[in-house]
Amino acid sequence: MAKAPAHGKNAPPAPIIVKKITVVAGGHHGGAWKVAYADFVTAMMAFFLLMWLLGATTEKQRKGIADYFTPTLVKMRQESAGANGLLHGSSIVDADNYPHRAGQTGTKALTIPRDTVGGPKDGAGKLQKMNHMKDVLAQKLDKSEATRKLARQVKMVDTAEGIRIDLIDDAQFAMFQLGTTVLTPQARELVKALSETLNPEAGSLSVRGHTDSLPWKAGMVSNNWSLSAGRAEATRQALMLGGIGQDRFKRIEGVADREPLIEANPQDPRNRRISITLAN
């Protein structure tokens, strides 16, 4: 006869059953990487936009942008535009990071030569000065029909060094007798009028001689280097006879045929010229 199952304190414990449940996601992996990638792309786009702004704007515009994003204009040095006190740095376009609008007032010393001229309106001033010189020279040459024609040989150009005045030969006019440093009578009239035009204008003078590339006759000792330098010196002496002081001249030089006015034809007579530069 079988025994009945035991009950009470001596009964064996019930078996423990461990059930393993595996949760399978909806896809191969989650979508968290997409958020991180989107943040990375956004940051790169902002970075390239910043680089583009730095390259496509002027310094004045960049200062204005930095000033626009400054919460307040009156700040301590470490809280100037672009720093916000986080790393105690400065704005990339802030000049001195002091509490002035866009840093236009600084404390750094700047040495400027006494004879320096310039500024925002310097280009307009040079153009006005050059036009005035043209008018004065035209009045000086308006004595006769012969001298009026000489105005066609003068060309004034605004350069970085100053106003350059070119006295140019052509088929009907020559500054010097052929192969010499002797000024022609017409050229002397032209240089005299130019001297009277330049005399009241401030600035030092440089004279440069140019020749064409026509070959010299066989047996000639001279060359285009000595000829161009000699013609520059002859022009300087003629300018001094016209009233310009000797101390006004800064440089006299000859460059032969190395700087042609008509590059396509180095033998063109217009390459023979005298360039006089009135320094800024």
C-alpha atoms as a PDB file:
ATOM      1  CA  MET A   1       0.000   0.000   0.000  1.00  0.00           C
ATOM      2  CA  ALA A   2       1.453   3.367  -1.067  1.00  0.00           C
ATOM      3  CA  LYS A   3       2.229   6.054   1.393  1.00  0.00           C
ATOM      4  CA  ALA A   4       0.332   9.305   1.318  1.00  0.00           C
ATOM      5  CA  PRO A   5       2.392  12.440   0.535  1.00  0.00           C
ATOM      6  CA  ALA A   6       3.938  14.021   3.574  1.00  0.00           C
ATOM      7  CA  HIS A   7       2.631  17.314   4.852  1.00  0.00           C
ATOM      8  CA  GLY A   8       3.947  19.693   7.474  1.00  0.00           C
ATOM      9  CA  LYS A   9       7.416  20.712   8.507  1.00  0.00           C
ATOM     10  CA  ASN A  10       9.211  17.778   6.931  1.00  0.00           C
ATOM     11  CA  ALA A  11       7.761  18.322   3.434  1.00  0.00           C
ATOM     12  CA  PRO A  12      10.465  18.845   0.662  1.00  0.00           C
ATOM     13  CA  PRO A  13      10.647  22.384  -0.943  1.00  0.00           C
ATOM     14  CA  ALA A  14       8.956  23.041  -4.263  1.00  0.00           C
ATOM     15  CA  PRO A  15      11.291  23.120  -7.270  1.00  0.00           C
ATOM     16  CA  ILE A  16      12.487  26.618  -8.551  1.00  0.00           C
ATOM     17  CA  ILE A  17      11.754  27.168 -12.209  1.00  0.00           C
ATOM     18  CA  VAL A  18      13.867  29.892 -14.050  1.00  0.00           C
ATOM     19  CA  LYS A  19      12.163  31.222 -17.136  1.00  0.00           C
ATOM     20  CA  LYS A  20      14.393  33.128 -19.641  1.00  0.00           C
ATOM     21  CA  ILE A  21      12.602  35.749 -21.744  1.00  0.00           C
ATOM     22  CA  THR A  22      14.416  37.314 -24.714  1.00  0.00           C
ATOM     23  CA  VAL A  23      13.120  40.680 -25.964  1.00  0.00           C
ATOM     24  CA  VAL A  24      13.831  41.243 -29.657  1.00  0.00           C
ATOM     25  CA  ALA A  25      13.938  44.864 -30.916  1.00  0.00           C
ATOM     26  CA  GLY A  26      11.971  45.951 -33.909  1.00  0.00           C
ATOM     27  CA  GLY A  27      15.035  46.234 -36.187  1.00  0.00           C
ATOM     28  CA  HIS A  28      18.677  45.249 -36.527  1.00  0.00           C
ATOM     29  CA  HIS A  29      19.661  48.002 -34.054  1.00  0.00           C
ATOM     30  CA  GLY A  30      18.221  51.097 -32.460  1.00  0.00           C
ATOM     31  CA  GLY A  31      18.022  54.639 -33.955  1.00  0.00           C
ATOM     32  CA  ALA A  32      20.148  56.501 -31.414  1.00  0.00           C
ATOM     33  CA  TRP A  33      23.027  56.819 -33.908  1.00  0.00           C
ATOM     34  CA  LYS A  34      20.844  58.877 -36.176  1.00  0.00           C
ATOM     35  CA  VAL A  35      20.453  61.555 -33.535  1.00  0.00           C
ATOM     36  CA  ALA A  36      24.207  61.670 -32.938  1.00  0.00           C
ATOM     37  CA  TYR A  37      24.918  61.851 -36.672  1.00  0.00           C
ATOM     38  CA  ALA A  38      22.387  64.644 -37.133  1.00  0.00           C
ATOM     39  CA  ASP A  39      24.063  66.616 -34.326  1.00  0.00           C
ATOM     40  CA  PHE A  40      27.459  66.076 -35.968  1.00  0.00           C
ATOM     41  CA  VAL A  41      26.235  67.258 -39.390  1.00  0.00           C
ATOM     42  CA  THR A  42      24.625  70.324 -37.806  1.00  0.00           C
ATOM     43  CA  ALA A  43      27.849  71.191 -35.994  1.00  0.00           C
ATOM     44  CA  MET A  44      29.898  70.801 -39.207  1.00  0.00           C
ATOM     45  CA  MET A  45      27.446  72.970 -41.127  1.00  0.00           C
ATOM     46  CA  ALA A  46      27.735  75.681 -38.464  1.00  0.00           C
ATOM     47  CA  PHE A  47      31.537  75.399 -38.598  1.00  0.00           C
ATOM     48  CA  PHE A  48      31.715  75.786 -42.387  1.00  0.00           C
ATOM     49  CA  LEU A  49      29.213  78.654 -42.212  1.00  0.00           C
ATOM     50  CA  LEU A  50      31.518  80.373 -39.712  1.00  0.00           C
ATOM     51  CA  MET A  51      34.529  79.820 -42.008  1.00  0.00           C
ATOM     52  CA  TRP A  52      32.585  81.233 -44.951  1.00  0.00           C
ATOM     53  CA  LEU A  53      31.575  84.308 -42.979  1.00  0.00           C
ATOM     54  CA  LEU A  54      35.185  84.952 -41.955  1.00  0.00           C
ATOM     55  CA  GLY A  55      36.349  84.731 -45.558  1.00  0.00           C
ATOM     56  CA  ALA A  56      33.484  86.569 -47.271  1.00  0.00           C
ATOM     57  CA  THR A  57      33.193  89.602 -44.988  1.00  0.00           C
ATOM     58  CA  THR A  58      35.380  92.598 -44.297  1.00  0.00           C
ATOM     59  CA  GLU A  59      36.920  93.352 -40.924  1.00  0.00           C
ATOM     60  CA  LYS A  60      34.357  96.083 -40.326  1.00  0.00           C
ATOM     61  CA  GLN A  61      31.479  93.711 -41.082  1.00  0.00           C
ATOM     62  CA  ARG A  62      32.918  91.002 -38.819  1.00  0.00           C
ATOM     63  CA  LYS A  63      33.203  93.500 -35.989  1.00  0.00           C
ATOM     64  CA  GLY A  64      29.582  94.451 -36.538  1.00  0.00           C
ATOM     65  CA  ILE A  65      28.489  90.800 -36.417  1.00  0.00           C
ATOM     66  CA  ALA A  66      30.464  90.196 -33.231  1.00  0.00           C
ATOM     67  CA  ASP A  67      28.951  93.311 -31.688  1.00  0.00           C
ATOM     68  CA  TYR A  68      25.443  92.198 -32.677  1.00  0.00           C
ATOM     69  CA  PHE A  69      25.783  88.925 -30.776  1.00  0.00           C
ATOM     70  CA  THR A  70      27.217  90.619 -27.683  1.00  0.00           C
ATOM     71  CA  PRO A  71      24.463  90.596 -25.021  1.00  0.00           C
ATOM     72  CA  THR A  72      25.580  93.894 -23.481  1.00  0.00           C
ATOM     73  CA  LEU A  73      28.120  96.452 -24.591  1.00  0.00           C
ATOM     74  CA  VAL A  74      29.451  97.194 -21.099  1.00  0.00           C
ATOM     75  CA  LYS A  75      31.298  94.056 -19.986  1.00  0.00           C
ATOM     76  CA  MET A  76      34.453  93.041 -18.291  1.00  0.00           C
ATOM     77  CA  ARG A  77      37.446  92.043 -20.433  1.00  0.00           C
ATOM     78  CA  GLN A  78      36.914  88.314 -19.910  1.00  0.00           C
ATOM     79  CA  GLU A  79      33.267  88.641 -20.993  1.00  0.00           C
ATOM     80  CA  SER A  80      33.830  90.477 -24.263  1.00  0.00           C
ATOM     81  CA  ALA A  81      32.185  89.478 -27.526  1.00  0.00           C
ATOM     82  CA  GLY A  82      32.736  85.850 -28.416  1.00  0.00           C
ATOM     83  CA  ALA A  83      34.154  84.764 -25.029  1.00  0.00           C
ATOM     84  CA  ASN A  84      31.232  84.884 -22.569  1.00  0.00           C
ATOM     85  CA  GLY A  85      33.684  84.164 -19.758  1.00  0.00           C
ATOM     86  CA  LEU A  86      33.691  80.427 -20.458  1.00  0.00           C
ATOM     87  CA  LEU A  87      37.343  80.022 -21.435  1.00  0.00           C
ATOM     88  CA  HIS A  88      38.380  83.598 -20.585  1.00  0.00           C
ATOM     89  CA  GLY A  89      39.156  84.160 -24.249  1.00  0.00           C
ATOM     90  CA  SER A  90      38.515  86.884 -26.805  1.00  0.00           C
ATOM     91  CA  SER A  91      36.505  87.249 -29.960  1.00  0.00           C
ATOM     92  CA  ILE A  92      38.344  86.328 -33.145  1.00  0.00           C
ATOM     93  CA  VAL A  93      37.607  89.762 -34.606  1.00  0.00           C
ATOM     94  CA  ASP A  94      37.788  91.860 -31.434  1.00  0.00           C
ATOM     95  CA  ALA A  95      40.720  94.265 -31.572  1.00  0.00           C
ATOM     96  CA  ASP A  96      41.433  94.673 -27.868  1.00  0.00           C
ATOM     97  CA  ASN A  97      38.421  93.197 -25.989  1.00  0.00           C
ATOM     98  CA  TYR A  98      37.767  96.316 -23.954  1.00  0.00           C
ATOM     99  CA  PRO A  99      34.213  97.514 -23.238  1.00  0.00           C
ATOM    100  CA  HIS A 100      33.880  99.714 -26.293  1.00  0.00           C
ATOM    101  CA  ARG A 101      31.725  99.095 -29.299  1.00  0.00           C
ATOM    102  CA  ALA A 102      33.436  96.512 -31.545  1.00  0.00           C
ATOM    103  CA  GLY A 103      36.736  97.380 -29.908  1.00  0.00           C
ATOM    104  CA  GLN A 104      37.265 100.531 -31.912  1.00  0.00           C
ATOM    105  CA  THR A 105      39.165 102.175 -29.052  1.00  0.00           C
ATOM    106  CA  GLY A 106      42.359 100.380 -28.100  1.00  0.00           C
ATOM    107  CA  THR A 107      45.376 100.879 -25.942  1.00  0.00           C
ATOM    108  CA  LYS A 108      48.048  99.723 -28.389  1.00  0.00           C
ATOM    109  CA  ALA A 109      50.425 102.391 -29.670  1.00  0.00           C
ATOM    110  CA  LEU A 110      50.766 102.865 -33.431  1.00  0.00           C
ATOM    111  CA  THR A 111      53.695 104.745 -34.956  1.00  0.00           C
ATOM    112  CA  ILE A 112      52.859 106.724 -38.111  1.00  0.00           C
ATOM    113  CA  PRO A 113      55.531 108.574 -40.130  1.00  0.00           C
ATOM    114  CA  ARG A 114      55.140 112.335 -40.157  1.00  0.00           C
ATOM    115  CA  ASP A 115      54.963 112.605 -43.938  1.00  0.00           C
ATOM    116  CA  THR A 116      52.341 109.870 -44.282  1.00  0.00           C
ATOM    117  CA  VAL A 117      49.066 110.797 -45.940  1.00  0.00           C
ATOM    118  CA  GLY A 118      46.021 108.696 -46.613  1.00  0.00           C
ATOM    119  CA  GLY A 119      42.723 107.586 -45.242  1.00  0.00           C
ATOM    120  CA  PRO A 120      39.306 106.550 -46.514  1.00  0.00           C
ATOM    121  CA  LYS A 121      39.182 109.452 -48.967  1.00  0.00           C
ATOM    122  CA  ASP A 122      42.804 109.269 -50.126  1.00  0.00           C
ATOM    123  CA  GLY A 123      41.902 107.725 -53.505  1.00  0.00           C
ATOM    124  CA  ALA A 124      39.402 110.464 -54.247  1.00  0.00           C
ATOM    125  CA  GLY A 125      41.945 113.084 -53.193  1.00  0.00           C
ATOM    126  CA  LYS A 126      44.582 111.706 -55.570  1.00  0.00           C
ATOM    127  CA  LEU A 127      42.098 111.662 -58.441  1.00  0.00           C
ATOM    128  CA  GLN A 128      41.123 115.244 -57.735  1.00  0.00           C
ATOM    129  CA  LYS A 129      44.784 116.237 -57.575  1.00  0.00           C
ATOM    130  CA  MET A 130      45.552 114.482 -60.863  1.00  0.00           C
ATOM    131  CA  ASN A 131      42.621 116.161 -62.623  1.00  0.00           C
ATOM    132  CA  HIS A 132      43.792 119.518 -61.283  1.00  0.00           C
ATOM    133  CA  MET A 133      47.286 118.898 -62.650  1.00  0.00           C
ATOM    134  CA  LYS A 134      45.831 118.003 -66.041  1.00  0.00           C
ATOM    135  CA  ASP A 135      43.872 121.253 -66.141  1.00  0.00           C
ATOM    136  CA  VAL A 136      46.883 123.336 -65.115  1.00  0.00           C
ATOM    137  CA  LEU A 137      49.135 121.664 -67.690  1.00  0.00           C
ATOM    138  CA  ALA A 138      46.529 122.184 -70.402  1.00  0.00           C
ATOM    139  CA  GLN A 139      46.407 125.892 -69.537  1.00  0.00           C
ATOM    140  CA  LYS A 140      50.205 126.114 -69.667  1.00  0.00           C
ATOM    141  CA  LEU A 141      50.251 124.530 -73.123  1.00  0.00           C
ATOM    142  CA  ASP A 142      47.349 126.586 -74.449  1.00  0.00           C
ATOM    143  CA  LYS A 143      49.674 129.227 -75.870  1.00  0.00           C
ATOM    144  CA  SER A 144      49.723 128.197 -79.496  1.00  0.00           C
ATOM    145  CA  GLU A 145      48.501 125.446 -81.784  1.00  0.00           C
ATOM    146  CA  ALA A 146      51.924 123.771 -81.663  1.00  0.00           C
ATOM    147  CA  THR A 147      52.049 123.594 -77.861  1.00  0.00           C
ATOM    148  CA  ARG A 148      48.406 122.497 -77.603  1.00  0.00           C
ATOM    149  CA  LYS A 149      49.264 119.410 -79.634  1.00  0.00           C
ATOM    150  CA  LEU A 150      51.912 118.474 -77.056  1.00  0.00           C
ATOM    151  CA  ALA A 151      49.147 117.669 -74.548  1.00  0.00           C
ATOM    152  CA  ARG A 152      48.501 114.483 -76.530  1.00  0.00           C
ATOM    153  CA  GLN A 153      51.949 113.216 -75.561  1.00  0.00           C
ATOM    154  CA  VAL A 154      51.167 113.382 -71.823  1.00  0.00           C
ATOM    155  CA  LYS A 155      49.467 110.575 -69.951  1.00  0.00           C
ATOM    156  CA  MET A 156      48.798 110.682 -66.190  1.00  0.00           C
ATOM    157  CA  VAL A 157      48.183 107.473 -64.244  1.00  0.00           C
ATOM    158  CA  ASP A 158      47.357 106.926 -60.573  1.00  0.00           C
ATOM    159  CA  THR A 159      49.737 104.296 -59.160  1.00  0.00           C
ATOM    160  CA  ALA A 160      50.567 102.905 -55.723  1.00  0.00           C
ATOM    161  CA  GLU A 161      53.681 105.116 -55.531  1.00  0.00           C
ATOM    162  CA  GLY A 162      51.877 108.257 -56.648  1.00  0.00           C
ATOM    163  CA  ILE A 163      50.830 110.055 -59.837  1.00  0.00           C
ATOM    164  CA  ARG A 164      52.917 108.898 -62.799  1.00  0.00           C
ATOM    165  CA  ILE A 165      53.275 111.258 -65.742  1.00  0.00           C
ATOM    166  CA  ASP A 166      54.372 109.625 -69.002  1.00  0.00           C
ATOM    167  CA  LEU A 167      55.835 111.768 -71.796  1.00  0.00           C
ATOM    168  CA  ILE A 168      55.399 109.470 -74.793  1.00  0.00           C
ATOM    169  CA  ASP A 169      56.964 109.544 -78.244  1.00  0.00           C
ATOM    170  CA  ASP A 170      55.058 108.681 -81.399  1.00  0.00           C
ATOM    171  CA  ALA A 171      55.520 108.882 -85.150  1.00  0.00           C
ATOM    172  CA  GLN A 172      55.076 112.692 -85.167  1.00  0.00           C
ATOM    173  CA  PHE A 173      56.831 113.583 -81.907  1.00  0.00           C
ATOM    174  CA  ALA A 174      60.128 112.695 -80.258  1.00  0.00           C
ATOM    175  CA  MET A 175      61.351 113.772 -76.838  1.00  0.00           C
ATOM    176  CA  PHE A 176      65.021 113.438 -77.857  1.00  0.00           C
ATOM    177  CA  GLN A 177      67.045 113.619 -81.005  1.00  0.00           C
ATOM    178  CA  LEU A 178      67.622 110.178 -82.471  1.00  0.00           C
ATOM    179  CA  GLY A 179      70.076 108.108 -80.433  1.00  0.00           C
ATOM    180  CA  THR A 180      71.042 111.015 -78.132  1.00  0.00           C
ATOM    181  CA  THR A 181      70.147 112.563 -74.799  1.00  0.00           C
ATOM    182  CA  VAL A 182      69.460 115.981 -76.347  1.00  0.00           C
ATOM    183  CA  LEU A 183      65.902 117.235 -75.872  1.00  0.00           C
ATOM    184  CA  THR A 184      64.098 118.493 -78.944  1.00  0.00           C
ATOM    185  CA  PRO A 185      62.745 122.088 -78.893  1.00  0.00           C
ATOM    186  CA  GLN A 186      59.172 120.798 -78.579  1.00  0.00           C
ATOM    187  CA  ALA A 187      60.156 118.563 -75.678  1.00  0.00           C
ATOM    188  CA  ARG A 188      61.769 121.511 -73.892  1.00  0.00           C
ATOM    189  CA  GLU A 189      58.503 123.437 -74.155  1.00  0.00           C
ATOM    190  CA  LEU A 190      56.624 120.439 -72.780  1.00  0.00           C
ATOM    191  CA  VAL A 191      59.009 119.876 -69.870  1.00  0.00           C
ATOM    192  CA  LYS A 192      58.940 123.600 -69.004  1.00  0.00           C
ATOM    193  CA  ALA A 193      55.145 123.566 -68.790  1.00  0.00           C
ATOM    194  CA  LEU A 194      55.289 120.386 -66.743  1.00  0.00           C
ATOM    195  CA  SER A 195      57.823 121.968 -64.356  1.00  0.00           C
ATOM    196  CA  GLU A 196      55.475 124.874 -63.709  1.00  0.00           C
ATOM    197  CA  THR A 197      52.675 122.359 -63.047  1.00  0.00           C
ATOM    198  CA  LEU A 198      54.672 120.186 -60.648  1.00  0.00           C
ATOM    199  CA  ASN A 199      56.458 122.963 -58.767  1.00  0.00           C
ATOM    200  CA  PRO A 200      53.573 123.888 -56.407  1.00  0.00           C
ATOM    201  CA  GLU A 201      52.627 120.232 -55.788  1.00  0.00           C
ATOM    202  CA  ALA A 202      54.035 118.518 -52.708  1.00  0.00           C
ATOM    203  CA  GLY A 203      55.940 115.253 -52.987  1.00  0.00           C
ATOM    204  CA  SER A 204      59.272 113.931 -54.193  1.00  0.00           C
ATOM    205  CA  LEU A 205      59.944 113.142 -57.859  1.00  0.00           C
ATOM    206  CA  SER A 206      61.348 110.074 -59.590  1.00  0.00           C
ATOM    207  CA  VAL A 207      62.393 110.100 -63.250  1.00  0.00           C
ATOM    208  CA  ARG A 208      62.652 106.901 -65.302  1.00  0.00           C
ATOM    209  CA  GLY A 209      63.835 106.633 -68.901  1.00  0.00           C
ATOM    210  CA  HIS A 210      62.518 104.054 -71.402  1.00  0.00           C
ATOM    211  CA  THR A 211      63.640 103.128 -74.926  1.00  0.00           C
ATOM    212  CA  ASP A 212      62.354 100.925 -77.688  1.00  0.00           C
ATOM    213  CA  SER A 213      64.130  97.738 -78.739  1.00  0.00           C
ATOM    214  CA  LEU A 214      65.437  98.907 -82.110  1.00  0.00           C
ATOM    215  CA  PRO A 215      68.999  97.550 -82.594  1.00  0.00           C
ATOM    216  CA  TRP A 216      71.938  99.930 -82.614  1.00  0.00           C
ATOM    217  CA  LYS A 217      74.111 100.375 -85.680  1.00  0.00           C
ATOM    218  CA  ALA A 218      77.203  98.221 -85.846  1.00  0.00           C
ATOM    219  CA  GLY A 219      80.205  99.833 -84.178  1.00  0.00           C
ATOM    220  CA  MET A 220      78.138 102.069 -81.837  1.00  0.00           C
ATOM    221  CA  VAL A 221      79.477 102.109 -78.277  1.00  0.00           C
ATOM    222  CA  SER A 222      76.224 103.204 -76.590  1.00  0.00           C
ATOM    223  CA  ASN A 223      73.392 100.926 -75.544  1.00  0.00           C
ATOM    224  CA  ASN A 224      69.794 101.280 -74.419  1.00  0.00           C
ATOM    225  CA  TRP A 225      70.738 101.127 -70.736  1.00  0.00           C
ATOM    226  CA  SER A 226      73.037 104.136 -70.836  1.00  0.00           C
ATOM    227  CA  LEU A 227      70.718 105.939 -73.266  1.00  0.00           C
ATOM    228  CA  SER A 228      67.628 105.558 -71.052  1.00  0.00           C
ATOM    229  CA  ALA A 229      69.544 106.635 -67.929  1.00  0.00           C
ATOM    230  CA  GLY A 230      71.071 109.614 -69.760  1.00  0.00           C
ATOM    231  CA  ARG A 231      67.664 110.738 -71.015  1.00  0.00           C
ATOM    232  CA  ALA A 232      66.254 110.523 -67.480  1.00  0.00           C
ATOM    233  CA  GLU A 233      69.101 112.719 -66.236  1.00  0.00           C
ATOM    234  CA  ALA A 234      68.588 115.184 -69.099  1.00  0.00           C
ATOM    235  CA  THR A 235      64.902 115.422 -68.156  1.00  0.00           C
ATOM    236  CA  ARG A 236      65.822 116.055 -64.494  1.00  0.00           C
ATOM    237  CA  GLN A 237      68.084 118.938 -65.533  1.00  0.00           C
ATOM    238  CA  ALA A 238      65.342 120.399 -67.726  1.00  0.00           C
ATOM    239  CA  LEU A 239      62.872 120.190 -64.831  1.00  0.00           C
ATOM    240  CA  MET A 240      65.340 122.020 -62.601  1.00  0.00           C
ATOM    241  CA  LEU A 241      65.696 124.758 -65.232  1.00  0.00           C
ATOM    242  CA  GLY A 242      61.903 125.022 -65.066  1.00  0.00           C
ATOM    243  CA  GLY A 243      62.036 125.865 -61.369  1.00  0.00           C
ATOM    244  CA  ILE A 244      61.930 122.545 -59.503  1.00  0.00           C
ATOM    245  CA  GLY A 245      64.419 122.318 -56.636  1.00  0.00           C
ATOM    246  CA  GLN A 246      67.227 119.787 -56.718  1.00  0.00           C
ATOM    247  CA  ASP A 247      66.190 118.292 -53.368  1.00  0.00           C
ATOM    248  CA  ARG A 248      62.799 117.261 -54.810  1.00  0.00           C
ATOM    249  CA  PHE A 249      64.323 114.399 -56.815  1.00  0.00           C
ATOM    250  CA  LYS A 250      64.353 111.007 -55.121  1.00  0.00           C
ATOM    251  CA  ARG A 251      65.489 108.640 -57.877  1.00  0.00           C
ATOM    252  CA  ILE A 252      66.816 108.804 -61.452  1.00  0.00           C
ATOM    253  CA  GLU A 253      67.009 105.553 -63.408  1.00  0.00           C
ATOM    254  CA  GLY A 254      66.983 104.001 -66.855  1.00  0.00           C
ATOM    255  CA  VAL A 255      65.346 100.664 -67.637  1.00  0.00           C
ATOM    256  CA  ALA A 256      66.200 100.447 -71.369  1.00  0.00           C
ATOM    257  CA  ASP A 257      63.566  98.455 -73.274  1.00  0.00           C
ATOM    258  CA  ARG A 258      62.632  96.120 -70.391  1.00  0.00           C
ATOM    259  CA  GLU A 259      59.260  97.767 -69.612  1.00  0.00           C
ATOM    260  CA  PRO A 260      57.613  98.400 -72.988  1.00  0.00           C
ATOM    261  CA  LEU A 261      54.374 100.341 -73.137  1.00  0.00           C
ATOM    262  CA  ILE A 262      53.334  98.372 -76.230  1.00  0.00           C
ATOM    263  CA  GLU A 263      54.290  94.820 -75.292  1.00  0.00           C
ATOM    264  CA  ALA A 264      53.060  93.348 -78.588  1.00  0.00           C
ATOM    265  CA  ASN A 265      55.567  95.487 -80.527  1.00  0.00           C
ATOM    266  CA  PRO A 266      58.749  96.329 -78.553  1.00  0.00           C
ATOM    267  CA  GLN A 267      59.999  98.464 -81.488  1.00  0.00           C
ATOM    268  CA  ASP A 268      56.936 100.739 -81.415  1.00  0.00           C
ATOM    269  CA  PRO A 269      58.033 104.391 -81.004  1.00  0.00           C
ATOM    270  CA  ARG A 270      55.538 104.805 -78.145  1.00  0.00           C
ATOM    271  CA  ASN A 271      57.833 102.640 -76.029  1.00  0.00           C
ATOM    272  CA  ARG A 272      60.263 105.564 -76.003  1.00  0.00           C
ATOM    273  CA  ARG A 273      59.093 107.661 -73.087  1.00  0.00           C
ATOM    274  CA  ILE A 274      60.017 109.447 -69.873  1.00  0.00           C
ATOM    275  CA  SER A 275      58.058 108.561 -66.722  1.00  0.00           C
ATOM    276  CA  ILE A 276      57.945 111.129 -63.918  1.00  0.00           C
ATOM    277  CA  THR A 277      56.317 109.975 -60.659  1.00  0.00           C
ATOM    278  CA  LEU A 278      55.051 112.477 -58.097  1.00  0.00           C
ATOM    279  CA  ALA A 279      55.159 110.524 -54.839  1.00  0.00           C
ATOM    280  CA  ASN A 280      52.150 110.413 -52.518  1.00  0.00           C
END
